[in-house]
């Protein structure tokens, strides 16, 4: 996928977090030439989608994409509050 194809595909998306986050991340991996979570960690032990995580304010939440020691990635649809998700 070229950068132009990626932009055109995702520009047209309705930005639905639940439906689009995993395909978007997989396409991003393809664009960047890196392995997807399932390719690099088939057992989903250290790189996965929908990882249960503790919130900084207490309680439990979910990271849309998580890689141990590297990042927790959160998608939000149009109008979603990323700051609230971070907290």
PDB file of N, CA and C in Angstrom:
ATOM      1  N   UNK A   1       0.851  -1.177   0.000  1.00  0.00           N
ATOM      2  CA  UNK A   1       0.000   0.000   0.000  1.00  0.00           C
ATOM      3  C   UNK A   1       0.895   1.238   0.000  1.00  0.00           C
ATOM      4  N   UNK A   2       0.593   2.149  -0.873  1.00  0.00           N
ATOM      5  CA  UNK A   2       1.364   3.390  -0.936  1.00  0.00           C
ATOM      6  C   UNK A   2       0.818   4.394   0.074  1.00  0.00           C
ATOM      7  N   UNK A   3       1.591   5.412   0.419  1.00  0.00           N
ATOM      8  CA  UNK A   3       1.059   6.446   1.310  1.00  0.00           C
ATOM      9  C   UNK A   3      -0.232   7.069   0.757  1.00  0.00           C
ATOM     10  N   UNK A   4      -0.276   7.326  -0.527  1.00  0.00           N
ATOM     11  CA  UNK A   4      -1.487   7.918  -1.127  1.00  0.00           C
ATOM     12  C   UNK A   4      -2.700   6.993  -0.971  1.00  0.00           C
ATOM     13  N   UNK A   5      -2.491   5.686  -1.219  1.00  0.00           N
ATOM     14  CA  UNK A   5      -3.587   4.715  -1.072  1.00  0.00           C
ATOM     15  C   UNK A   5      -4.075   4.652   0.375  1.00  0.00           C
ATOM     16  N   UNK A   6      -3.123   4.676   1.305  1.00  0.00           N
ATOM     17  CA  UNK A   6      -3.476   4.652   2.727  1.00  0.00           C
ATOM     18  C   UNK A   6      -4.321   5.877   3.080  1.00  0.00           C
ATOM     19  N   UNK A   7      -3.870   7.026   2.681  1.00  0.00           N
ATOM     20  CA  UNK A   7      -4.593   8.270   2.988  1.00  0.00           C
ATOM     21  C   UNK A   7      -5.987   8.251   2.372  1.00  0.00           C
ATOM     22  N   UNK A   8      -6.087   7.875   1.125  1.00  0.00           N
ATOM     23  CA  UNK A   8      -7.391   7.861   0.454  1.00  0.00           C
ATOM     24  C   UNK A   8      -8.341   6.866   1.102  1.00  0.00           C
ATOM     25  N   UNK A   9      -7.835   5.695   1.426  1.00  0.00           N
ATOM     26  CA  UNK A   9      -8.682   4.671   2.057  1.00  0.00           C
ATOM     27  C   UNK A   9      -9.217   5.160   3.395  1.00  0.00           C
ATOM     28  N   UNK A  10      -8.338   5.695   4.227  1.00  0.00           N
ATOM     29  CA  UNK A  10      -8.748   6.042   5.584  1.00  0.00           C
ATOM     30  C   UNK A  10      -9.405   7.410   5.670  1.00  0.00           C
ATOM     31  N   UNK A  11      -9.184   8.263   4.704  1.00  0.00           N
ATOM     32  CA  UNK A  11      -9.905   9.540   4.659  1.00  0.00           C
ATOM     33  C   UNK A  11     -11.395   9.281   4.471  1.00  0.00           C
ATOM     34  N   UNK A  12     -11.740   8.263   3.686  1.00  0.00           N
ATOM     35  CA  UNK A  12     -13.133   7.937   3.386  1.00  0.00           C
ATOM     36  C   UNK A  12     -13.826   7.171   4.516  1.00  0.00           C
ATOM     37  N   UNK A  13     -13.061   6.715   5.489  1.00  0.00           N
ATOM     38  CA  UNK A  13     -13.624   5.921   6.586  1.00  0.00           C
ATOM     39  C   UNK A  13     -14.526   6.773   7.476  1.00  0.00           C
ATOM     40  N   UNK A  14     -15.603   6.170   8.001  1.00  0.00           N
ATOM     41  CA  UNK A  14     -16.456   6.910   8.935  1.00  0.00           C
ATOM     42  C   UNK A  14     -15.821   7.074  10.324  1.00  0.00           C
ATOM     43  N   UNK A  15     -14.608   6.567  10.504  1.00  0.00           N
ATOM     44  CA  UNK A  15     -13.856   6.710  11.766  1.00  0.00           C
ATOM     45  C   UNK A  15     -14.576   6.045  12.946  1.00  0.00           C
ATOM     46  N   UNK A  16     -15.017   4.833  12.739  1.00  0.00           N
ATOM     47  CA  UNK A  16     -15.673   4.058  13.787  1.00  0.00           C
ATOM     48  C   UNK A  16     -14.606   3.246  14.523  1.00  0.00           C
ATOM     49  N   UNK A  17     -14.363   3.592  15.766  1.00  0.00           N
ATOM     50  CA  UNK A  17     -13.272   2.967  16.515  1.00  0.00           C
ATOM     51  C   UNK A  17     -13.381   1.448  16.550  1.00  0.00           C
ATOM     52  N   UNK A  18     -14.522   0.940  16.898  1.00  0.00           N
ATOM     53  CA  UNK A  18     -14.682  -0.501  17.073  1.00  0.00           C
ATOM     54  C   UNK A  18     -14.476  -1.253  15.757  1.00  0.00           C
ATOM     55  N   UNK A  19     -14.960  -0.700  14.678  1.00  0.00           N
ATOM     56  CA  UNK A  19     -14.891  -1.382  13.395  1.00  0.00           C
ATOM     57  C   UNK A  19     -13.556  -1.150  12.674  1.00  0.00           C
ATOM     58  N   UNK A  20     -12.939   0.007  12.859  1.00  0.00           N
ATOM     59  CA  UNK A  20     -11.806   0.396  12.026  1.00  0.00           C
ATOM     60  C   UNK A  20     -10.432   0.322  12.680  1.00  0.00           C
ATOM     61  N   UNK A  21     -10.346   0.229  13.999  1.00  0.00           N
ATOM     62  CA  UNK A  21      -9.029   0.353  14.635  1.00  0.00           C
ATOM     63  C   UNK A  21      -8.058  -0.747  14.218  1.00  0.00           C
ATOM     64  N   UNK A  22      -8.478  -1.996  14.212  1.00  0.00           N
ATOM     65  CA  UNK A  22      -7.552  -3.068  13.856  1.00  0.00           C
ATOM     66  C   UNK A  22      -7.168  -3.054  12.381  1.00  0.00           C
ATOM     67  N   UNK A  23      -8.134  -2.924  11.441  1.00  0.00           N
ATOM     68  CA  UNK A  23      -7.715  -2.836  10.041  1.00  0.00           C
ATOM     69  C   UNK A  23      -6.817  -1.623   9.760  1.00  0.00           C
ATOM     70  N   UNK A  24      -7.087  -0.500  10.432  1.00  0.00           N
ATOM     71  CA  UNK A  24      -6.249   0.688  10.241  1.00  0.00           C
ATOM     72  C   UNK A  24      -4.821   0.401  10.705  1.00  0.00           C
ATOM     73  N   UNK A  25      -4.680  -0.195  11.882  1.00  0.00           N
ATOM     74  CA  UNK A  25      -3.343  -0.481  12.406  1.00  0.00           C
ATOM     75  C   UNK A  25      -2.618  -1.487  11.521  1.00  0.00           C
ATOM     76  N   UNK A  26      -3.331  -2.507  11.026  1.00  0.00           N
ATOM     77  CA  UNK A  26      -2.730  -3.499  10.131  1.00  0.00           C
ATOM     78  C   UNK A  26      -2.261  -2.825   8.844  1.00  0.00           C
ATOM     79  N   UNK A  27      -3.088  -1.937   8.290  1.00  0.00           N
ATOM     80  CA  UNK A  27      -2.669  -1.202   7.093  1.00  0.00           C
ATOM     81  C   UNK A  27      -1.468  -0.308   7.387  1.00  0.00           C
ATOM     82  N   UNK A  28      -1.443   0.312   8.552  1.00  0.00           N
ATOM     83  CA  UNK A  28      -0.315   1.158   8.940  1.00  0.00           C
ATOM     84  C   UNK A  28       0.966   0.323   9.018  1.00  0.00           C
ATOM     85  N   UNK A  29       0.874  -0.878   9.599  1.00  0.00           N
ATOM     86  CA  UNK A  29       2.040  -1.766   9.645  1.00  0.00           C
ATOM     87  C   UNK A  29       2.519  -2.081   8.228  1.00  0.00           C
ATOM     88  N   UNK A  30       1.578  -2.375   7.325  1.00  0.00           N
ATOM     89  CA  UNK A  30       1.939  -2.658   5.943  1.00  0.00           C
ATOM     90  C   UNK A  30       2.609  -1.478   5.273  1.00  0.00           C
ATOM     91  N   UNK A  31       2.063  -0.294   5.517  1.00  0.00           N
ATOM     92  CA  UNK A  31       2.640   0.920   4.952  1.00  0.00           C
ATOM     93  C   UNK A  31       4.071   1.133   5.432  1.00  0.00           C
ATOM     94  N   UNK A  32       4.307   0.854   6.699  1.00  0.00           N
ATOM     95  CA  UNK A  32       5.622   1.065   7.300  1.00  0.00           C
ATOM     96  C   UNK A  32       6.572  -0.126   7.111  1.00  0.00           C
ATOM     97  N   UNK A  33       6.046  -1.225   6.596  1.00  0.00           N
ATOM     98  CA  UNK A  33       6.889  -2.393   6.361  1.00  0.00           C
ATOM     99  C   UNK A  33       7.278  -3.128   7.630  1.00  0.00           C
ATOM    100  N   UNK A  34       6.390  -3.122   8.625  1.00  0.00           N
ATOM    101  CA  UNK A  34       6.648  -3.845   9.868  1.00  0.00           C
ATOM    102  C   UNK A  34       5.584  -4.920  10.059  1.00  0.00           C
ATOM    103  N   UNK A  35       5.916  -5.926  10.825  1.00  0.00           N
ATOM    104  CA  UNK A  35       4.985  -7.023  11.063  1.00  0.00           C
ATOM    105  C   UNK A  35       3.818  -6.578  11.947  1.00  0.00           C
ATOM    106  N   UNK A  36       2.667  -7.175  11.696  1.00  0.00           N
ATOM    107  CA  UNK A  36       1.481  -6.904  12.514  1.00  0.00           C
ATOM    108  C   UNK A  36       1.606  -7.643  13.846  1.00  0.00           C
ATOM    109  N   UNK A  37       0.778  -7.300  14.810  1.00  0.00           N
ATOM    110  CA  UNK A  37       0.823  -8.023  16.081  1.00  0.00           C
ATOM    111  C   UNK A  37       0.684  -9.537  15.912  1.00  0.00           C
ATOM    112  N   UNK A  38      -0.243  -9.988  15.084  1.00  0.00           N
ATOM    113  CA  UNK A  38      -0.450 -11.429  14.913  1.00  0.00           C
ATOM    114  C   UNK A  38       0.711 -12.111  14.204  1.00  0.00           C
ATOM    115  N   UNK A  39       1.386 -11.389  13.331  1.00  0.00           N
ATOM    116  CA  UNK A  39       2.526 -11.975  12.623  1.00  0.00           C
ATOM    117  C   UNK A  39       3.740 -12.118  13.535  1.00  0.00           C
ATOM    118  N   UNK A  40       3.981 -11.119  14.359  1.00  0.00           N
ATOM    119  CA  UNK A  40       5.194 -11.108  15.171  1.00  0.00           C
ATOM    120  C   UNK A  40       5.007 -11.820  16.521  1.00  0.00           C
ATOM    121  N   UNK A  41       3.769 -11.862  16.999  1.00  0.00           N
ATOM    122  CA  UNK A  41       3.470 -12.499  18.288  1.00  0.00           C
ATOM    123  C   UNK A  41       2.160 -13.284  18.188  1.00  0.00           C
ATOM    124  N   UNK A  42       2.193 -14.443  17.520  1.00  0.00           N
ATOM    125  CA  UNK A  42       0.955 -15.204  17.312  1.00  0.00           C
ATOM    126  C   UNK A  42       0.254 -15.625  18.605  1.00  0.00           C
ATOM    127  N   UNK A  43       0.989 -15.736  19.690  1.00  0.00           N
ATOM    128  CA  UNK A  43       0.385 -16.124  20.973  1.00  0.00           C
ATOM    129  C   UNK A  43      -0.235 -14.932  21.705  1.00  0.00           C
ATOM    130  N   UNK A  44      -0.050 -13.737  21.182  1.00  0.00           N
ATOM    131  CA  UNK A  44      -0.605 -12.508  21.775  1.00  0.00           C
ATOM    132  C   UNK A  44      -0.138 -12.297  23.213  1.00  0.00           C
ATOM    133  N   UNK A  45       1.113 -12.585  23.468  1.00  0.00           N
ATOM    134  CA  UNK A  45       1.657 -12.439  24.818  1.00  0.00           C
ATOM    135  C   UNK A  45       2.256 -11.061  25.062  1.00  0.00           C
ATOM    136  N   UNK A  46       2.835 -10.424  24.025  1.00  0.00           N
ATOM    137  CA  UNK A  46       3.511  -9.151  24.251  1.00  0.00           C
ATOM    138  C   UNK A  46       3.188  -8.095  23.206  1.00  0.00           C
ATOM    139  N   UNK A  47       2.421  -8.455  22.165  1.00  0.00           N
ATOM    140  CA  UNK A  47       2.013  -7.491  21.141  1.00  0.00           C
ATOM    141  C   UNK A  47       0.649  -7.942  20.644  1.00  0.00           C
ATOM    142  N   UNK A  48      -0.374  -7.154  20.942  1.00  0.00           N
ATOM    143  CA  UNK A  48      -1.717  -7.630  20.661  1.00  0.00           C
ATOM    144  C   UNK A  48      -2.723  -6.491  20.540  1.00  0.00           C
ATOM    145  N   UNK A  49      -3.888  -6.830  20.055  1.00  0.00           N
ATOM    146  CA  UNK A  49      -5.034  -5.927  20.041  1.00  0.00           C
ATOM    147  C   UNK A  49      -5.868  -6.175  21.305  1.00  0.00           C
ATOM    148  N   UNK A  50      -6.565  -5.139  21.746  1.00  0.00           N
ATOM    149  CA  UNK A  50      -7.525  -5.237  22.858  1.00  0.00           C
ATOM    150  C   UNK A  50      -6.908  -5.853  24.115  1.00  0.00           C
ATOM    151  N   UNK A  51      -5.892  -5.196  24.631  1.00  0.00           N
ATOM    152  CA  UNK A  51      -5.203  -5.662  25.839  1.00  0.00           C
ATOM    153  C   UNK A  51      -5.809  -4.983  27.063  1.00  0.00           C
ATOM    154  N   UNK A  52      -6.210  -5.764  28.026  1.00  0.00           N
ATOM    155  CA  UNK A  52      -6.697  -5.222  29.285  1.00  0.00           C
ATOM    156  C   UNK A  52      -5.562  -4.541  30.034  1.00  0.00           C
ATOM    157  N   UNK A  53      -5.791  -3.315  30.484  1.00  0.00           N
ATOM    158  CA  UNK A  53      -4.761  -2.542  31.166  1.00  0.00           C
ATOM    159  C   UNK A  53      -5.360  -1.829  32.372  1.00  0.00           C
ATOM    160  N   UNK A  54      -4.520  -1.511  33.341  1.00  0.00           N
ATOM    161  CA  UNK A  54      -4.941  -0.710  34.479  1.00  0.00           C
ATOM    162  C   UNK A  54      -4.949   0.763  34.106  1.00  0.00           C
ATOM    163  N   UNK A  55      -5.926   1.486  34.618  1.00  0.00           N
ATOM    164  CA  UNK A  55      -6.014   2.929  34.369  1.00  0.00           C
ATOM    165  C   UNK A  55      -5.210   3.685  35.416  1.00  0.00           C
ATOM    166  N   UNK A  56      -4.673   4.835  35.037  1.00  0.00           N
ATOM    167  CA  UNK A  56      -3.895   5.642  35.978  1.00  0.00           C
ATOM    168  C   UNK A  56      -4.782   6.175  37.102  1.00  0.00           C
ATOM    169  N   UNK A  57      -6.084   6.266  36.850  1.00  0.00           N
ATOM    170  CA  UNK A  57      -7.019   6.757  37.862  1.00  0.00           C
ATOM    171  C   UNK A  57      -7.670   5.618  38.629  1.00  0.00           C
ATOM    172  N   UNK A  58      -7.188   4.398  38.414  1.00  0.00           N
ATOM    173  CA  UNK A  58      -7.769   3.220  39.044  1.00  0.00           C
ATOM    174  C   UNK A  58      -8.756   2.548  38.107  1.00  0.00           C
ATOM    175  N   UNK A  59      -9.005   1.298  38.353  1.00  0.00           N
ATOM    176  CA  UNK A  59      -9.927   0.561  37.509  1.00  0.00           C
ATOM    177  C   UNK A  59      -9.235  -0.098  36.331  1.00  0.00           C
ATOM    178  N   UNK A  60     -10.062  -0.521  35.398  1.00  0.00           N
ATOM    179  CA  UNK A  60      -9.586  -1.332  34.285  1.00  0.00           C
ATOM    180  C   UNK A  60     -10.071  -0.725  32.970  1.00  0.00           C
ATOM    181  N   UNK A  61      -9.236  -0.808  31.949  1.00  0.00           N
ATOM    182  CA  UNK A  61      -9.604  -0.340  30.619  1.00  0.00           C
ATOM    183  C   UNK A  61      -8.977  -1.244  29.571  1.00  0.00           C
ATOM    184  N   UNK A  62      -9.048  -0.810  28.336  1.00  0.00           N
ATOM    185  CA  UNK A  62      -8.539  -1.586  27.218  1.00  0.00           C
ATOM    186  C   UNK A  62      -7.702  -0.705  26.314  1.00  0.00           C
ATOM    187  N   UNK A  63      -6.536  -1.181  25.923  1.00  0.00           N
ATOM    188  CA  UNK A  63      -5.725  -0.514  24.900  1.00  0.00           C
ATOM    189  C   UNK A  63      -6.066  -1.174  23.572  1.00  0.00           C
ATOM    190  N   UNK A  64      -6.345  -0.367  22.551  1.00  0.00           N
ATOM    191  CA  UNK A  64      -6.700  -0.932  21.252  1.00  0.00           C
ATOM    192  C   UNK A  64      -5.547  -1.741  20.668  1.00  0.00           C
ATOM    193  N   UNK A  65      -4.327  -1.272  20.850  1.00  0.00           N
ATOM    194  CA  UNK A  65      -3.122  -2.009  20.458  1.00  0.00           C
ATOM    195  C   UNK A  65      -2.127  -1.841  21.596  1.00  0.00           C
ATOM    196  N   UNK A  66      -1.439  -2.906  21.950  1.00  0.00           N
ATOM    197  CA  UNK A  66      -0.498  -2.855  23.068  1.00  0.00           C
ATOM    198  C   UNK A  66       0.738  -3.672  22.714  1.00  0.00           C
ATOM    199  N   UNK A  67       1.894  -3.081  22.996  1.00  0.00           N
ATOM    200  CA  UNK A  67       3.165  -3.790  22.845  1.00  0.00           C
ATOM    201  C   UNK A  67       3.964  -3.575  24.117  1.00  0.00           C
ATOM    202  N   UNK A  68       4.231  -4.677  24.819  1.00  0.00           N
ATOM    203  CA  UNK A  68       4.923  -4.614  26.111  1.00  0.00           C
ATOM    204  C   UNK A  68       6.220  -3.827  25.995  1.00  0.00           C
ATOM    205  N   UNK A  69       6.405  -2.898  26.908  1.00  0.00           N
ATOM    206  CA  UNK A  69       7.625  -2.111  26.967  1.00  0.00           C
ATOM    207  C   UNK A  69       7.743  -1.041  25.897  1.00  0.00           C
ATOM    208  N   UNK A  70       6.716  -0.894  25.055  1.00  0.00           N
ATOM    209  CA  UNK A  70       6.820   0.070  23.960  1.00  0.00           C
ATOM    210  C   UNK A  70       5.667   1.067  23.953  1.00  0.00           C
ATOM    211  N   UNK A  71       4.420   0.585  23.863  1.00  0.00           N
ATOM    212  CA  UNK A  71       3.302   1.515  23.763  1.00  0.00           C
ATOM    213  C   UNK A  71       1.960   0.843  24.023  1.00  0.00           C
ATOM    214  N   UNK A  72       1.012   1.665  24.393  1.00  0.00           N
ATOM    215  CA  UNK A  72      -0.409   1.354  24.376  1.00  0.00           C
ATOM    216  C   UNK A  72      -1.019   2.350  23.401  1.00  0.00           C
ATOM    217  N   UNK A  73      -1.772   1.894  22.434  1.00  0.00           N
ATOM    218  CA  UNK A  73      -2.295   2.729  21.362  1.00  0.00           C
ATOM    219  C   UNK A  73      -3.807   2.760  21.493  1.00  0.00           C
ATOM    220  N   UNK A  74      -4.359   3.934  21.534  1.00  0.00           N
ATOM    221  CA  UNK A  74      -5.804   4.090  21.679  1.00  0.00           C
ATOM    222  C   UNK A  74      -6.378   4.840  20.488  1.00  0.00           C
ATOM    223  N   UNK A  75      -7.381   4.251  19.879  1.00  0.00           N
ATOM    224  CA  UNK A  75      -8.123   4.900  18.802  1.00  0.00           C
ATOM    225  C   UNK A  75      -9.377   5.529  19.388  1.00  0.00           C
ATOM    226  N   UNK A  76      -9.812   6.604  18.790  1.00  0.00           N
ATOM    227  CA  UNK A  76     -11.096   7.216  19.126  1.00  0.00           C
ATOM    228  C   UNK A  76     -11.790   7.592  17.837  1.00  0.00           C
ATOM    229  N   UNK A  77     -13.082   7.316  17.771  1.00  0.00           N
ATOM    230  CA  UNK A  77     -13.875   7.717  16.616  1.00  0.00           C
ATOM    231  C   UNK A  77     -14.093   9.219  16.634  1.00  0.00           C
ATOM    232  N   UNK A  78     -14.747   9.709  15.620  1.00  0.00           N
ATOM    233  CA  UNK A  78     -15.037  11.137  15.544  1.00  0.00           C
ATOM    234  C   UNK A  78     -15.730  11.631  16.805  1.00  0.00           C
ATOM    235  N   UNK A  79     -15.200  12.661  17.401  1.00  0.00           N
ATOM    236  CA  UNK A  79     -15.780  13.227  18.621  1.00  0.00           C
ATOM    237  C   UNK A  79     -15.381  12.514  19.898  1.00  0.00           C
ATOM    238  N   UNK A  80     -14.571  11.446  19.815  1.00  0.00           N
ATOM    239  CA  UNK A  80     -14.136  10.729  21.009  1.00  0.00           C
ATOM    240  C   UNK A  80     -13.153  11.559  21.814  1.00  0.00           C
ATOM    241  N   UNK A  81     -13.110  11.314  23.115  1.00  0.00           N
ATOM    242  CA  UNK A  81     -12.248  12.087  24.019  1.00  0.00           C
ATOM    243  C   UNK A  81     -10.978  11.295  24.331  1.00  0.00           C
ATOM    244  N   UNK A  82      -9.920  11.551  23.590  1.00  0.00           N
ATOM    245  CA  UNK A  82      -8.664  10.841  23.782  1.00  0.00           C
ATOM    246  C   UNK A  82      -8.046  11.161  25.142  1.00  0.00           C
ATOM    247  N   UNK A  83      -8.208  12.378  25.621  1.00  0.00           N
ATOM    248  CA  UNK A  83      -7.669  12.752  26.924  1.00  0.00           C
ATOM    249  C   UNK A  83      -8.306  11.912  28.032  1.00  0.00           C
ATOM    250  N   UNK A  84      -9.605  11.696  27.945  1.00  0.00           N
ATOM    251  CA  UNK A  84     -10.289  10.875  28.948  1.00  0.00           C
ATOM    252  C   UNK A  84      -9.810   9.436  28.874  1.00  0.00           C
ATOM    253  N   UNK A  85      -9.595   8.933  27.654  1.00  0.00           N
ATOM    254  CA  UNK A  85      -9.093   7.572  27.491  1.00  0.00           C
ATOM    255  C   UNK A  85      -7.699   7.450  28.093  1.00  0.00           C
ATOM    256  N   UNK A  86      -6.868   8.454  27.931  1.00  0.00           N
ATOM    257  CA  UNK A  86      -5.510   8.424  28.471  1.00  0.00           C
ATOM    258  C   UNK A  86      -5.551   8.358  30.003  1.00  0.00           C
ATOM    259  N   UNK A  87      -6.430   9.143  30.584  1.00  0.00           N
ATOM    260  CA  UNK A  87      -6.548   9.125  32.054  1.00  0.00           C
ATOM    261  C   UNK A  87      -7.047   7.776  32.508  1.00  0.00           C
TER     262      UNK A  87
END
